[in-house]
Amino acid sequence: MAAVGCGGSSLGTVQGTVTLDGQPLKEGVVRFVPVDGKSQTATADIAGGKFTAAVPVGEMRVEFSAPKIISRHKAYDTPDSPVVDDVAELIPERFNTKTEFRMSVKKGSQEETFALMSK
């Protein structure tokens, strides 16, 4: 394992499962944000409800994001205009920017399960 940050913080490996309304989250992102603001944030992709992340050791807030394309429109009112996506967030704020999840990351490997609800 490598060291990161100014203080040489060590890393732990977090493997996890994420469900939304009882079903595996098809795709999204999980972020581990240090509660004390002293170490780096870690991010991992979620695919088929699973993720693996190298995370600095310490107390972390765990945030989830899963953007969903809800429509598409032309960027300009011209025949050759590129099409752009209109995106909405599937994950409620209480699991995203105002997350309720906290975890204490330790050296080595640990597994976590996160059950999210859309309502």
Protein backbone atom coordinates (compact mmCIF):
# COMPACT_ATOMS: atom_id res chain seq x y z
CA MET A 1 0.00 0.00 0.00
CA ALA A 2 1.16 3.50 -0.77
CA ALA A 3 1.10 6.53 1.48
CA VAL A 4 -0.76 9.69 0.53
CA GLY A 5 -1.04 13.26 1.75
CA CYS A 6 1.34 15.47 3.67
CA GLY A 7 1.16 13.46 6.87
CA GLY A 8 1.85 10.13 5.16
CA SER A 9 -1.60 8.76 5.96
CA SER A 10 -1.96 5.09 5.17
CA LEU A 11 -4.75 3.58 3.10
CA GLY A 12 -7.39 0.98 3.69
CA THR A 13 -9.33 -0.92 1.04
CA VAL A 14 -13.09 -0.62 1.23
CA GLN A 15 -15.14 -3.10 -0.80
CA GLY A 16 -18.84 -2.59 -0.79
CA THR A 17 -22.33 -3.24 -2.00
CA VAL A 18 -24.80 -0.44 -2.71
CA THR A 19 -28.52 -0.94 -3.15
CA LEU A 20 -31.21 1.60 -4.05
CA ASP A 21 -34.72 0.62 -2.97
CA GLY A 22 -33.56 -2.97 -2.41
CA GLN A 23 -31.95 -3.39 -5.86
CA PRO A 24 -28.21 -3.18 -6.70
CA LEU A 25 -27.33 0.34 -7.89
CA LYS A 26 -26.58 -0.18 -11.59
CA GLU A 27 -23.99 2.57 -11.83
CA GLY A 28 -22.84 5.56 -9.86
CA VAL A 29 -20.03 6.94 -7.75
CA VAL A 30 -19.12 6.66 -4.07
CA ARG A 31 -17.01 9.37 -2.38
CA PHE A 32 -15.22 9.09 0.94
CA VAL A 33 -14.78 12.60 2.37
CA PRO A 34 -12.59 13.05 5.48
CA VAL A 35 -14.61 14.37 8.43
CA ASP A 36 -11.59 16.28 9.76
CA GLY A 37 -10.66 17.67 6.31
CA LYS A 38 -7.02 16.62 6.76
CA SER A 39 -6.69 13.70 4.34
CA GLN A 40 -7.63 13.26 0.71
CA THR A 41 -11.06 12.41 -0.63
CA ALA A 42 -11.31 9.00 -2.30
CA THR A 43 -13.72 8.15 -5.13
CA ALA A 44 -14.72 4.86 -6.76
CA ASP A 45 -17.15 3.86 -9.48
CA ILE A 46 -20.13 1.69 -8.60
CA ALA A 47 -21.08 -0.96 -11.18
CA GLY A 48 -23.74 -3.60 -10.63
CA GLY A 49 -24.03 -2.53 -7.01
CA LYS A 50 -20.33 -3.18 -6.22
CA PHE A 51 -17.28 -0.97 -5.65
CA THR A 52 -13.70 -1.16 -4.39
CA ALA A 53 -11.85 1.94 -3.17
CA ALA A 54 -8.45 2.75 -1.71
CA VAL A 55 -9.34 5.17 1.11
CA PRO A 56 -7.17 7.09 3.60
CA VAL A 57 -7.45 5.70 7.14
CA GLY A 58 -9.75 7.76 9.37
CA GLU A 59 -13.34 8.89 9.91
CA MET A 60 -15.13 9.44 6.57
CA ARG A 61 -18.46 10.75 5.33
CA VAL A 62 -19.73 8.45 2.59
CA GLU A 63 -21.53 10.17 -0.30
CA PHE A 64 -23.28 8.55 -3.27
CA SER A 65 -24.16 9.93 -6.68
CA ALA A 66 -26.03 8.33 -9.58
CA PRO A 67 -26.88 10.74 -12.41
CA LYS A 68 -29.65 9.65 -14.76
CA ILE A 69 -30.40 11.04 -18.23
CA ILE A 70 -34.02 12.22 -18.19
CA SER A 71 -34.16 13.84 -21.64
CA ARG A 72 -32.07 15.20 -24.50
CA HIS A 73 -32.27 18.42 -26.45
CA LYS A 74 -30.37 20.34 -29.11
CA ALA A 75 -27.82 22.76 -27.72
CA TYR A 76 -28.70 25.32 -30.44
CA ASP A 77 -31.67 25.93 -32.71
CA THR A 78 -29.81 24.81 -35.82
CA PRO A 79 -30.06 21.63 -37.93
CA ASP A 80 -26.48 20.54 -37.12
CA SER A 81 -26.65 21.32 -33.39
CA PRO A 82 -25.11 18.79 -31.01
CA VAL A 83 -27.52 17.02 -28.68
CA VAL A 84 -26.98 17.46 -24.93
CA ASP A 85 -28.32 15.40 -22.04
CA ASP A 86 -30.57 16.71 -19.28
CA VAL A 87 -29.45 14.90 -16.14
CA ALA A 88 -31.13 14.37 -12.75
CA GLU A 89 -29.67 12.88 -9.57
CA LEU A 90 -31.25 9.55 -8.51
CA ILE A 91 -29.80 9.66 -4.99
CA PRO A 92 -31.53 11.87 -2.37
CA GLU A 93 -29.46 14.53 -0.58
CA ARG A 94 -29.46 12.55 2.67
CA PHE A 95 -27.18 10.01 0.95
CA ASN A 96 -25.45 12.55 -1.32
CA THR A 97 -24.40 16.09 -0.34
CA LYS A 98 -26.05 15.85 3.10
CA THR A 99 -25.11 12.22 3.70
CA GLU A 100 -26.15 10.36 6.83
CA PHE A 101 -23.42 7.71 6.36
CA ARG A 102 -20.15 7.73 8.29
CA MET A 103 -17.51 5.05 8.53
CA SER A 104 -14.20 4.58 10.24
CA VAL A 105 -11.69 3.34 7.65
CA LYS A 106 -8.94 1.12 9.02
CA LYS A 107 -5.73 -0.28 7.53
CA GLY A 108 -6.26 -3.46 5.57
CA SER A 109 -9.47 -4.52 3.87
CA GLN A 110 -13.03 -4.09 5.04
CA GLU A 111 -16.48 -4.67 3.55
CA GLU A 112 -19.52 -2.44 3.90
CA THR A 113 -23.11 -2.62 2.69
CA PHE A 114 -25.06 0.58 2.02
CA ALA A 115 -28.85 0.40 1.61
CA LEU A 116 -30.18 3.63 0.06
CA MET A 117 -33.84 4.58 -0.35
CA SER A 118 -35.10 6.98 -3.01
CA LYS A 119 -37.87 8.29 -0.72
